[in-house]
Amino acid sequence: MESSAKLTFARLSPRKTRLLVDLVRGKGIQDALNALRFLPNPSAQIIVKLLRSAVANAEQKGVSDVDGLFVKTIYVDGGAVLKRFVPRAMGRASKIRKPTSHISVTLSDTK
């Protein structure tokens, strides 16, 4: 049985988040949570919360062995980019891009 969770418009750069997502793809749920727990990246804690949400969704569906779940698919898509401007010297302005991410995870109990 599969369960999934999705986080949209996370204020994280998709490029930086994909580095962490690649670490946990295909691992068991406990291995994935332990791998992310001690990483200093801000996106690691958000991915941990998303994985825990997917586990809670699996419990709601009635999966008998929650510890036997593994990360079947997890991917990061780019979301909308917030564009801001900051004043610079001689009347100019510089653009500041604040990217967002859409993170999707699917857990499964069978390989």
PDB file of N, CA and C in Angstrom:
ATOM      1  N   MET A   1       0.842  -1.174   0.000  1.00  0.00           N
ATOM      2  CA  MET A   1       0.000   0.000   0.000  1.00  0.00           C
ATOM      3  C   MET A   1       0.894   1.246   0.000  1.00  0.00           C
ATOM      4  N   GLU A   2       0.466   2.233  -0.701  1.00  0.00           N
ATOM      5  CA  GLU A   2       1.243   3.461  -0.809  1.00  0.00           C
ATOM      6  C   GLU A   2       0.559   4.596  -0.079  1.00  0.00           C
ATOM      7  N   SER A   3       1.383   5.518   0.407  1.00  0.00           N
ATOM      8  CA  SER A   3       0.866   6.763   0.973  1.00  0.00           C
ATOM      9  C   SER A   3       1.760   7.893   0.494  1.00  0.00           C
ATOM     10  N   SER A   4       1.192   9.078   0.413  1.00  0.00           N
ATOM     11  CA  SER A   4       1.956  10.192  -0.127  1.00  0.00           C
ATOM     12  C   SER A   4       1.692  11.456   0.673  1.00  0.00           C
ATOM     13  N   ALA A   5       2.581  12.408   0.492  1.00  0.00           N
ATOM     14  CA  ALA A   5       2.434  13.734   1.093  1.00  0.00           C
ATOM     15  C   ALA A   5       3.061  14.730   0.130  1.00  0.00           C
ATOM     16  N   LYS A   6       2.548  15.942   0.159  1.00  0.00           N
ATOM     17  CA  LYS A   6       3.019  16.966  -0.765  1.00  0.00           C
ATOM     18  C   LYS A   6       3.130  18.298  -0.034  1.00  0.00           C
ATOM     19  N   LEU A   7       4.203  19.012  -0.294  1.00  0.00           N
ATOM     20  CA  LEU A   7       4.406  20.342   0.259  1.00  0.00           C
ATOM     21  C   LEU A   7       4.591  21.295  -0.905  1.00  0.00           C
ATOM     22  N   THR A   8       3.756  22.324  -0.961  1.00  0.00           N
ATOM     23  CA  THR A   8       3.858  23.275  -2.066  1.00  0.00           C
ATOM     24  C   THR A   8       4.279  24.636  -1.545  1.00  0.00           C
ATOM     25  N   PHE A   9       4.954  25.369  -2.376  1.00  0.00           N
ATOM     26  CA  PHE A   9       5.406  26.726  -2.118  1.00  0.00           C
ATOM     27  C   PHE A   9       6.283  26.827  -0.876  1.00  0.00           C
ATOM     28  N   ALA A  10       7.172  25.847  -0.695  1.00  0.00           N
ATOM     29  CA  ALA A  10       8.152  25.913   0.395  1.00  0.00           C
ATOM     30  C   ALA A  10       9.203  26.944   0.001  1.00  0.00           C
ATOM     31  N   ARG A  11       9.562  27.815   0.922  1.00  0.00           N
ATOM     32  CA  ARG A  11      10.531  28.877   0.628  1.00  0.00           C
ATOM     33  C   ARG A  11      11.950  28.327   0.671  1.00  0.00           C
ATOM     34  N   LEU A  12      12.214  27.369  -0.212  1.00  0.00           N
ATOM     35  CA  LEU A  12      13.512  26.724  -0.330  1.00  0.00           C
ATOM     36  C   LEU A  12      13.914  26.712  -1.792  1.00  0.00           C
ATOM     37  N   SER A  13      15.191  26.781  -2.035  1.00  0.00           N
ATOM     38  CA  SER A  13      15.684  26.689  -3.400  1.00  0.00           C
ATOM     39  C   SER A  13      15.574  25.249  -3.881  1.00  0.00           C
ATOM     40  N   PRO A  14      14.982  25.007  -5.045  1.00  0.00           N
ATOM     41  CA  PRO A  14      14.849  23.632  -5.526  1.00  0.00           C
ATOM     42  C   PRO A  14      16.198  22.949  -5.751  1.00  0.00           C
ATOM     43  N   ARG A  15      17.164  23.705  -6.184  1.00  0.00           N
ATOM     44  CA  ARG A  15      18.478  23.132  -6.468  1.00  0.00           C
ATOM     45  C   ARG A  15      19.144  22.620  -5.197  1.00  0.00           C
ATOM     46  N   LYS A  16      19.045  23.369  -4.110  1.00  0.00           N
ATOM     47  CA  LYS A  16      19.641  22.950  -2.847  1.00  0.00           C
ATOM     48  C   LYS A  16      18.844  21.821  -2.200  1.00  0.00           C
ATOM     49  N   THR A  17      17.544  21.828  -2.413  1.00  0.00           N
ATOM     50  CA  THR A  17      16.695  20.807  -1.811  1.00  0.00           C
ATOM     51  C   THR A  17      16.872  19.469  -2.513  1.00  0.00           C
ATOM     52  N   ARG A  18      17.129  19.483  -3.808  1.00  0.00           N
ATOM     53  CA  ARG A  18      17.318  18.233  -4.548  1.00  0.00           C
ATOM     54  C   ARG A  18      18.535  17.463  -4.052  1.00  0.00           C
ATOM     55  N   LEU A  19      19.549  18.166  -3.562  1.00  0.00           N
ATOM     56  CA  LEU A  19      20.733  17.492  -3.032  1.00  0.00           C
ATOM     57  C   LEU A  19      20.369  16.612  -1.850  1.00  0.00           C
ATOM     58  N   LEU A  20      19.474  17.087  -0.989  1.00  0.00           N
ATOM     59  CA  LEU A  20      19.077  16.317   0.185  1.00  0.00           C
ATOM     60  C   LEU A  20      18.072  15.226  -0.167  1.00  0.00           C
ATOM     61  N   VAL A  21      17.220  15.505  -1.123  1.00  0.00           N
ATOM     62  CA  VAL A  21      16.222  14.523  -1.533  1.00  0.00           C
ATOM     63  C   VAL A  21      16.901  13.301  -2.129  1.00  0.00           C
ATOM     64  N   ASP A  22      18.005  13.509  -2.843  1.00  0.00           N
ATOM     65  CA  ASP A  22      18.726  12.400  -3.452  1.00  0.00           C
ATOM     66  C   ASP A  22      19.345  11.470  -2.404  1.00  0.00           C
ATOM     67  N   LEU A  23      19.598  12.000  -1.196  1.00  0.00           N
ATOM     68  CA  LEU A  23      20.169  11.184  -0.129  1.00  0.00           C
ATOM     69  C   LEU A  23      19.197  10.129   0.382  1.00  0.00           C
ATOM     70  N   VAL A  24      17.909  10.426   0.381  1.00  0.00           N
ATOM     71  CA  VAL A  24      16.933   9.552   1.029  1.00  0.00           C
ATOM     72  C   VAL A  24      16.116   8.716   0.052  1.00  0.00           C
ATOM     73  N   ARG A  25      16.240   8.940  -1.225  1.00  0.00           N
ATOM     74  CA  ARG A  25      15.435   8.208  -2.201  1.00  0.00           C
ATOM     75  C   ARG A  25      15.788   6.722  -2.165  1.00  0.00           C
ATOM     76  N   GLY A  26      14.771   5.876  -1.992  1.00  0.00           N
ATOM     77  CA  GLY A  26      14.966   4.435  -1.975  1.00  0.00           C
ATOM     78  C   GLY A  26      15.324   3.851  -0.625  1.00  0.00           C
ATOM     79  N   LYS A  27      15.524   4.666   0.398  1.00  0.00           N
ATOM     80  CA  LYS A  27      15.891   4.171   1.721  1.00  0.00           C
ATOM     81  C   LYS A  27      14.647   3.840   2.536  1.00  0.00           C
ATOM     82  N   GLY A  28      14.863   3.072   3.596  1.00  0.00           N
ATOM     83  CA  GLY A  28      13.805   2.820   4.558  1.00  0.00           C
ATOM     84  C   GLY A  28      13.490   4.095   5.312  1.00  0.00           C
ATOM     85  N   ILE A  29      12.311   4.162   5.903  1.00  0.00           N
ATOM     86  CA  ILE A  29      11.872   5.405   6.528  1.00  0.00           C
ATOM     87  C   ILE A  29      12.752   5.780   7.719  1.00  0.00           C
ATOM     88  N   GLN A  30      13.167   4.800   8.512  1.00  0.00           N
ATOM     89  CA  GLN A  30      14.028   5.109   9.658  1.00  0.00           C
ATOM     90  C   GLN A  30      15.410   5.556   9.209  1.00  0.00           C
ATOM     91  N   ASP A  31      15.954   4.921   8.174  1.00  0.00           N
ATOM     92  CA  ASP A  31      17.259   5.324   7.643  1.00  0.00           C
ATOM     93  C   ASP A  31      17.203   6.734   7.066  1.00  0.00           C
ATOM     94  N   ALA A  32      16.103   7.045   6.397  1.00  0.00           N
ATOM     95  CA  ALA A  32      15.951   8.373   5.796  1.00  0.00           C
ATOM     96  C   ALA A  32      15.857   9.451   6.874  1.00  0.00           C
ATOM     97  N   LEU A  33      15.073   9.194   7.916  1.00  0.00           N
ATOM     98  CA  LEU A  33      14.935  10.183   8.987  1.00  0.00           C
ATOM     99  C   LEU A  33      16.249  10.376   9.725  1.00  0.00           C
ATOM    100  N   ASN A  34      16.987   9.287   9.964  1.00  0.00           N
ATOM    101  CA  ASN A  34      18.275   9.403  10.646  1.00  0.00           C
ATOM    102  C   ASN A  34      19.303  10.126   9.789  1.00  0.00           C
ATOM    103  N   ALA A  35      19.258   9.927   8.482  1.00  0.00           N
ATOM    104  CA  ALA A  35      20.209  10.601   7.596  1.00  0.00           C
ATOM    105  C   ALA A  35      19.972  12.105   7.578  1.00  0.00           C
ATOM    106  N   LEU A  36      18.713  12.519   7.672  1.00  0.00           N
ATOM    107  CA  LEU A  36      18.397  13.950   7.602  1.00  0.00           C
ATOM    108  C   LEU A  36      18.475  14.653   8.955  1.00  0.00           C
ATOM    109  N   ARG A  37      18.395  13.901  10.031  1.00  0.00           N
ATOM    110  CA  ARG A  37      18.293  14.510  11.358  1.00  0.00           C
ATOM    111  C   ARG A  37      19.493  15.395  11.713  1.00  0.00           C
ATOM    112  N   PHE A  38      20.687  14.990  11.332  1.00  0.00           N
ATOM    113  CA  PHE A  38      21.888  15.698  11.763  1.00  0.00           C
ATOM    114  C   PHE A  38      22.476  16.610  10.702  1.00  0.00           C
ATOM    115  N   LEU A  39      21.761  16.823   9.614  1.00  0.00           N
ATOM    116  CA  LEU A  39      22.251  17.729   8.579  1.00  0.00           C
ATOM    117  C   LEU A  39      21.929  19.175   8.956  1.00  0.00           C
ATOM    118  N   PRO A  40      22.832  20.102   8.678  1.00  0.00           N
ATOM    119  CA  PRO A  40      22.616  21.497   9.080  1.00  0.00           C
ATOM    120  C   PRO A  40      21.720  22.298   8.136  1.00  0.00           C
ATOM    121  N   ASN A  41      21.353  21.723   6.995  1.00  0.00           N
ATOM    122  CA  ASN A  41      20.574  22.469   6.011  1.00  0.00           C
ATOM    123  C   ASN A  41      19.162  22.742   6.515  1.00  0.00           C
ATOM    124  N   PRO A  42      18.628  23.932   6.265  1.00  0.00           N
ATOM    125  CA  PRO A  42      17.252  24.229   6.673  1.00  0.00           C
ATOM    126  C   PRO A  42      16.231  23.342   5.977  1.00  0.00           C
ATOM    127  N   SER A  43      16.514  22.934   4.755  1.00  0.00           N
ATOM    128  CA  SER A  43      15.561  22.105   4.038  1.00  0.00           C
ATOM    129  C   SER A  43      15.506  20.687   4.600  1.00  0.00           C
ATOM    130  N   ALA A  44      16.511  20.260   5.351  1.00  0.00           N
ATOM    131  CA  ALA A  44      16.497  18.913   5.922  1.00  0.00           C
ATOM    132  C   ALA A  44      15.362  18.765   6.923  1.00  0.00           C
ATOM    133  N   GLN A  45      15.146  19.763   7.745  1.00  0.00           N
ATOM    134  CA  GLN A  45      14.086  19.687   8.750  1.00  0.00           C
ATOM    135  C   GLN A  45      12.707  19.690   8.091  1.00  0.00           C
ATOM    136  N   ILE A  46      12.567  20.407   7.004  1.00  0.00           N
ATOM    137  CA  ILE A  46      11.277  20.445   6.306  1.00  0.00           C
ATOM    138  C   ILE A  46      11.004  19.106   5.627  1.00  0.00           C
ATOM    139  N   ILE A  47      12.032  18.465   5.086  1.00  0.00           N
ATOM    140  CA  ILE A  47      11.856  17.151   4.475  1.00  0.00           C
ATOM    141  C   ILE A  47      11.514  16.115   5.546  1.00  0.00           C
ATOM    142  N   VAL A  48      12.112  16.233   6.737  1.00  0.00           N
ATOM    143  CA  VAL A  48      11.787  15.330   7.847  1.00  0.00           C
ATOM    144  C   VAL A  48      10.311  15.455   8.206  1.00  0.00           C
ATOM    145  N   LYS A  49       9.819  16.689   8.300  1.00  0.00           N
ATOM    146  CA  LYS A  49       8.408  16.889   8.622  1.00  0.00           C
ATOM    147  C   LYS A  49       7.505  16.308   7.538  1.00  0.00           C
ATOM    148  N   LEU A  50       7.922  16.429   6.284  1.00  0.00           N
ATOM    149  CA  LEU A  50       7.131  15.890   5.178  1.00  0.00           C
ATOM    150  C   LEU A  50       7.117  14.359   5.217  1.00  0.00           C
ATOM    151  N   LEU A  51       8.252  13.741   5.530  1.00  0.00           N
ATOM    152  CA  LEU A  51       8.299  12.289   5.645  1.00  0.00           C
ATOM    153  C   LEU A  51       7.426  11.795   6.796  1.00  0.00           C
ATOM    154  N   ARG A  52       7.464  12.507   7.910  1.00  0.00           N
ATOM    155  CA  ARG A  52       6.618  12.131   9.055  1.00  0.00           C
ATOM    156  C   ARG A  52       5.139  12.283   8.702  1.00  0.00           C
ATOM    157  N   SER A  53       4.818  13.280   7.901  1.00  0.00           N
ATOM    158  CA  SER A  53       3.439  13.454   7.456  1.00  0.00           C
ATOM    159  C   SER A  53       3.005  12.292   6.577  1.00  0.00           C
ATOM    160  N   ALA A  54       3.885  11.823   5.708  1.00  0.00           N
ATOM    161  CA  ALA A  54       3.553  10.689   4.855  1.00  0.00           C
ATOM    162  C   ALA A  54       3.384   9.412   5.678  1.00  0.00           C
ATOM    163  N   VAL A  55       4.178   9.253   6.739  1.00  0.00           N
ATOM    164  CA  VAL A  55       4.030   8.101   7.634  1.00  0.00           C
ATOM    165  C   VAL A  55       2.694   8.173   8.359  1.00  0.00           C
ATOM    166  N   ALA A  56       2.300   9.362   8.804  1.00  0.00           N
ATOM    167  CA  ALA A  56       1.007   9.537   9.459  1.00  0.00           C
ATOM    168  C   ALA A  56      -0.137   9.231   8.492  1.00  0.00           C
ATOM    169  N   ASN A  57       0.023   9.606   7.235  1.00  0.00           N
ATOM    170  CA  ASN A  57      -0.984   9.279   6.227  1.00  0.00           C
ATOM    171  C   ASN A  57      -1.088   7.769   6.028  1.00  0.00           C
ATOM    172  N   ALA A  58       0.058   7.086   6.103  1.00  0.00           N
ATOM    173  CA  ALA A  58       0.045   5.629   5.968  1.00  0.00           C
ATOM    174  C   ALA A  58      -0.675   4.983   7.152  1.00  0.00           C
ATOM    175  N   GLU A  59      -0.464   5.528   8.353  1.00  0.00           N
ATOM    176  CA  GLU A  59      -1.157   5.008   9.526  1.00  0.00           C
ATOM    177  C   GLU A  59      -2.663   5.202   9.398  1.00  0.00           C
ATOM    178  N   GLN A  60      -3.080   6.334   8.860  1.00  0.00           N
ATOM    179  CA  GLN A  60      -4.505   6.591   8.655  1.00  0.00           C
ATOM    180  C   GLN A  60      -5.113   5.618   7.662  1.00  0.00           C
ATOM    181  N   LYS A  61      -4.319   5.225   6.647  1.00  0.00           N
ATOM    182  CA  LYS A  61      -4.802   4.270   5.656  1.00  0.00           C
ATOM    183  C   LYS A  61      -4.870   2.860   6.204  1.00  0.00           C
ATOM    184  N   GLY A  62      -4.155   2.611   7.308  1.00  0.00           N
ATOM    185  CA  GLY A  62      -4.199   1.291   7.923  1.00  0.00           C
ATOM    186  C   GLY A  62      -3.065   0.374   7.522  1.00  0.00           C
ATOM    187  N   VAL A  63      -1.894   0.924   7.236  1.00  0.00           N
ATOM    188  CA  VAL A  63      -0.737   0.090   6.937  1.00  0.00           C
ATOM    189  C   VAL A  63      -0.326  -0.622   8.221  1.00  0.00           C
ATOM    190  N   SER A  64      -0.153  -1.941   8.142  1.00  0.00           N
ATOM    191  CA  SER A  64       0.110  -2.716   9.349  1.00  0.00           C
ATOM    192  C   SER A  64       1.528  -2.496   9.872  1.00  0.00           C
ATOM    193  N   ASP A  65       2.523  -2.442   9.003  1.00  0.00           N
ATOM    194  CA  ASP A  65       3.910  -2.313   9.426  1.00  0.00           C
ATOM    195  C   ASP A  65       4.464  -0.963   8.974  1.00  0.00           C
ATOM    196  N   VAL A  66       4.388   0.030   9.849  1.00  0.00           N
ATOM    197  CA  VAL A  66       4.856   1.374   9.491  1.00  0.00           C
ATOM    198  C   VAL A  66       6.373   1.414   9.393  1.00  0.00           C
ATOM    199  N   ASP A  67       7.068   0.583  10.198  1.00  0.00           N
ATOM    200  CA  ASP A  67       8.533   0.574  10.162  1.00  0.00           C
ATOM    201  C   ASP A  67       9.066  -0.073   8.885  1.00  0.00           C
ATOM    202  N   GLY A  68       8.231  -0.802   8.173  1.00  0.00           N
ATOM    203  CA  GLY A  68       8.654  -1.446   6.934  1.00  0.00           C
ATOM    204  C   GLY A  68       8.512  -0.569   5.708  1.00  0.00           C
ATOM    205  N   LEU A  69       8.076   0.669   5.885  1.00  0.00           N
ATOM    206  CA  LEU A  69       7.910   1.580   4.749  1.00  0.00           C
ATOM    207  C   LEU A  69       9.262   2.036   4.221  1.00  0.00           C
ATOM    208  N   PHE A  70       9.304   2.334   2.932  1.00  0.00           N
ATOM    209  CA  PHE A  70      10.494   2.934   2.341  1.00  0.00           C
ATOM    210  C   PHE A  70      10.070   4.038   1.389  1.00  0.00           C
ATOM    211  N   VAL A  71      11.009   4.910   1.074  1.00  0.00           N
ATOM    212  CA  VAL A  71      10.737   6.056   0.204  1.00  0.00           C
ATOM    213  C   VAL A  71      10.760   5.563  -1.237  1.00  0.00           C
ATOM    214  N   LYS A  72       9.586   5.435  -1.824  1.00  0.00           N
ATOM    215  CA  LYS A  72       9.488   4.937  -3.193  1.00  0.00           C
ATOM    216  C   LYS A  72       9.881   6.034  -4.176  1.00  0.00           C
ATOM    217  N   THR A  73       9.204   7.170  -4.098  1.00  0.00           N
ATOM    218  CA  THR A  73       9.562   8.306  -4.946  1.00  0.00           C
ATOM    219  C   THR A  73       9.572   9.566  -4.098  1.00  0.00           C
ATOM    220  N   ILE A  74      10.505  10.417  -4.384  1.00  0.00           N
ATOM    221  CA  ILE A  74      10.552  11.748  -3.776  1.00  0.00           C
ATOM    222  C   ILE A  74      11.212  12.666  -4.792  1.00  0.00           C
ATOM    223  N   TYR A  75      10.581  13.783  -5.059  1.00  0.00           N
ATOM    224  CA  TYR A  75      11.141  14.703  -6.041  1.00  0.00           C
ATOM    225  C   TYR A  75      10.784  16.136  -5.682  1.00  0.00           C
ATOM    226  N   VAL A  76      11.545  17.052  -6.248  1.00  0.00           N
ATOM    227  CA  VAL A  76      11.384  18.485  -5.996  1.00  0.00           C
ATOM    228  C   VAL A  76      11.183  19.182  -7.326  1.00  0.00           C
ATOM    229  N   ASP A  77      10.112  19.941  -7.426  1.00  0.00           N
ATOM    230  CA  ASP A  77       9.857  20.767  -8.595  1.00  0.00           C
ATOM    231  C   ASP A  77       9.984  22.233  -8.192  1.00  0.00           C
ATOM    232  N   GLY A  78      10.356  23.050  -9.129  1.00  0.00           N
ATOM    233  CA  GLY A  78      10.434  24.475  -8.867  1.00  0.00           C
ATOM    234  C   GLY A  78       9.056  25.110  -8.829  1.00  0.00           C
ATOM    235  N   GLY A  79       8.868  26.022  -7.910  1.00  0.00           N
ATOM    236  CA  GLY A  79       7.598  26.728  -7.808  1.00  0.00           C
ATOM    237  C   GLY A  79       7.736  28.146  -8.332  1.00  0.00           C
ATOM    238  N   ALA A  80       6.826  28.981  -7.909  1.00  0.00           N
ATOM    239  CA  ALA A  80       6.859  30.378  -8.314  1.00  0.00           C
ATOM    240  C   ALA A  80       8.063  31.074  -7.670  1.00  0.00           C
ATOM    241  N   VAL A  81       8.587  32.066  -8.352  1.00  0.00           N
ATOM    242  CA  VAL A  81       9.730  32.820  -7.840  1.00  0.00           C
ATOM    243  C   VAL A  81       9.247  34.203  -7.413  1.00  0.00           C
ATOM    244  N   LEU A  82       9.479  34.532  -6.151  1.00  0.00           N
ATOM    245  CA  LEU A  82       9.149  35.867  -5.665  1.00  0.00           C
ATOM    246  C   LEU A  82      10.252  36.812  -6.100  1.00  0.00           C
ATOM    247  N   LYS A  83       9.887  37.912  -6.731  1.00  0.00           N
ATOM    248  CA  LYS A  83      10.883  38.859  -7.220  1.00  0.00           C
ATOM    249  C   LYS A  83      10.811  40.139  -6.406  1.00  0.00           C
ATOM    250  N   ARG A  84      11.939  40.520  -5.865  1.00  0.00           N
ATOM    251  CA  ARG A  84      12.040  41.731  -5.051  1.00  0.00           C
ATOM    252  C   ARG A  84      13.157  42.591  -5.624  1.00  0.00           C
ATOM    253  N   PHE A  85      13.111  43.874  -5.312  1.00  0.00           N
ATOM    254  CA  PHE A  85      14.139  44.796  -5.786  1.00  0.00           C
ATOM    255  C   PHE A  85      14.722  45.539  -4.611  1.00  0.00           C
ATOM    256  N   VAL A  86      16.040  45.754  -4.677  1.00  0.00           N
ATOM    257  CA  VAL A  86      16.737  46.475  -3.620  1.00  0.00           C
ATOM    258  C   VAL A  86      17.444  47.668  -4.259  1.00  0.00           C
ATOM    259  N   PRO A  87      17.377  48.841  -3.636  1.00  0.00           N
ATOM    260  CA  PRO A  87      18.046  50.006  -4.217  1.00  0.00           C
ATOM    261  C   PRO A  87      19.564  49.865  -4.168  1.00  0.00           C
ATOM    262  N   ARG A  88      20.211  50.358  -5.229  1.00  0.00           N
ATOM    263  CA  ARG A  88      21.664  50.316  -5.319  1.00  0.00           C
ATOM    264  C   ARG A  88      22.187  51.726  -5.590  1.00  0.00           C
ATOM    265  N   ALA A  89      23.470  51.832  -5.809  1.00  0.00           N
ATOM    266  CA  ALA A  89      24.109  53.135  -5.989  1.00  0.00           C
ATOM    267  C   ALA A  89      23.672  53.791  -7.295  1.00  0.00           C
ATOM    268  N   MET A  90      23.704  55.095  -7.312  1.00  0.00           N
ATOM    269  CA  MET A  90      23.429  55.930  -8.482  1.00  0.00           C
ATOM    270  C   MET A  90      22.033  55.683  -9.053  1.00  0.00           C
ATOM    271  N   GLY A  91      21.049  55.446  -8.205  1.00  0.00           N
ATOM    272  CA  GLY A  91      19.665  55.336  -8.639  1.00  0.00           C
ATOM    273  C   GLY A  91      19.295  54.031  -9.305  1.00  0.00           C
ATOM    274  N   ARG A  92      20.152  53.066  -9.252  1.00  0.00           N
ATOM    275  CA  ARG A  92      19.854  51.780  -9.879  1.00  0.00           C
ATOM    276  C   ARG A  92      19.142  50.851  -8.897  1.00  0.00           C
ATOM    277  N   ALA A  93      18.704  49.711  -9.395  1.00  0.00           N
ATOM    278  CA  ALA A  93      18.066  48.702  -8.554  1.00  0.00           C
ATOM    279  C   ALA A  93      18.571  47.329  -8.979  1.00  0.00           C
ATOM    280  N   SER A  94      18.678  46.436  -8.007  1.00  0.00           N
ATOM    281  CA  SER A  94      19.074  45.062  -8.283  1.00  0.00           C
ATOM    282  C   SER A  94      17.918  44.128  -7.951  1.00  0.00           C
ATOM    283  N   LYS A  95      17.798  43.076  -8.746  1.00  0.00           N
ATOM    284  CA  LYS A  95      16.726  42.106  -8.544  1.00  0.00           C
ATOM    285  C   LYS A  95      17.168  41.052  -7.536  1.00  0.00           C
ATOM    286  N   ILE A  96      16.284  40.697  -6.633  1.00  0.00           N
ATOM    287  CA  ILE A  96      16.490  39.593  -5.707  1.00  0.00           C
ATOM    288  C   ILE A  96      15.438  38.544  -6.025  1.00  0.00           C
ATOM    289  N   ARG A  97      15.885  37.312  -6.301  1.00  0.00           N
ATOM    290  CA  ARG A  97      14.984  36.209  -6.607  1.00  0.00           C
ATOM    291  C   ARG A  97      14.847  35.337  -5.371  1.00  0.00           C
ATOM    292  N   LYS A  98      13.611  35.061  -4.967  1.00  0.00           N
ATOM    293  CA  LYS A  98      13.352  34.197  -3.824  1.00  0.00           C
ATOM    294  C   LYS A  98      12.568  32.982  -4.322  1.00  0.00           C
ATOM    295  N   PRO A  99      13.277  31.892  -4.628  1.00  0.00           N
ATOM    296  CA  PRO A  99      12.620  30.738  -5.239  1.00  0.00           C
ATOM    297  C   PRO A  99      11.795  29.936  -4.230  1.00  0.00           C
ATOM    298  N   THR A 100      10.816  29.206  -4.745  1.00  0.00           N
ATOM    299  CA  THR A 100      10.021  28.299  -3.934  1.00  0.00           C
ATOM    300  C   THR A 100      10.084  26.906  -4.552  1.00  0.00           C
ATOM    301  N   SER A 101       9.707  25.908  -3.767  1.00  0.00           N
ATOM    302  CA  SER A 101       9.780  24.518  -4.204  1.00  0.00           C
ATOM    303  C   SER A 101       8.471  23.801  -3.924  1.00  0.00           C
ATOM    304  N   HIS A 102       8.194  22.793  -4.746  1.00  0.00           N
ATOM    305  CA  HIS A 102       7.102  21.860  -4.507  1.00  0.00           C
ATOM    306  C   HIS A 102       7.754  20.489  -4.290  1.00  0.00           C
ATOM    307  N   ILE A 103       7.557  19.910  -3.107  1.00  0.00           N
ATOM    308  CA  ILE A 103       8.178  18.632  -2.765  1.00  0.00           C
ATOM    309  C   ILE A 103       7.079  17.578  -2.650  1.00  0.00           C
ATOM    310  N   SER A 104       7.275  16.449  -3.324  1.00  0.00           N
ATOM    311  CA  SER A 104       6.319  15.342  -3.277  1.00  0.00           C
ATOM    312  C   SER A 104       7.039  14.070  -2.862  1.00  0.00           C
ATOM    313  N   VAL A 105       6.404  13.299  -1.975  1.00  0.00           N
ATOM    314  CA  VAL A 105       6.991  12.043  -1.498  1.00  0.00           C
ATOM    315  C   VAL A 105       5.919  10.958  -1.516  1.00  0.00           C
ATOM    316  N   THR A 106       6.336   9.757  -1.914  1.00  0.00           N
ATOM    317  CA  THR A 106       5.466   8.588  -1.890  1.00  0.00           C
ATOM    318  C   THR A 106       6.186   7.479  -1.147  1.00  0.00           C
ATOM    319  N   LEU A 107       5.519   6.926  -0.125  1.00  0.00           N
ATOM    320  CA  LEU A 107       6.055   5.810   0.637  1.00  0.00           C
ATOM    321  C   LEU A 107       5.321   4.541   0.229  1.00  0.00           C
ATOM    322  N   SER A 108       6.044   3.415   0.256  1.00  0.00           N
ATOM    323  CA  SER A 108       5.448   2.130  -0.082  1.00  0.00           C
ATOM    324  C   SER A 108       5.966   1.075   0.877  1.00  0.00           C
ATOM    325  N   ASP A 109       5.207  -0.002   1.030  1.00  0.00           N
ATOM    326  CA  ASP A 109       5.655  -1.086   1.897  1.00  0.00           C
ATOM    327  C   ASP A 109       6.139  -2.302   1.116  1.00  0.00           C
ATOM    328  N   THR A 110       6.003  -2.282  -0.198  1.00  0.00           N
ATOM    329  CA  THR A 110       6.492  -3.369  -1.030  1.00  0.00           C
ATOM    330  C   THR A 110       7.449  -2.818  -2.075  1.00  0.00           C
ATOM    331  N   LYS A 111       8.484  -3.585  -2.365  1.00  0.00           N
ATOM    332  CA  LYS A 111       9.469  -3.114  -3.346  1.00  0.00           C
ATOM    333  C   LYS A 111       9.161  -3.558  -4.717  1.00  0.00           C
TER     334      LYS A 111
END
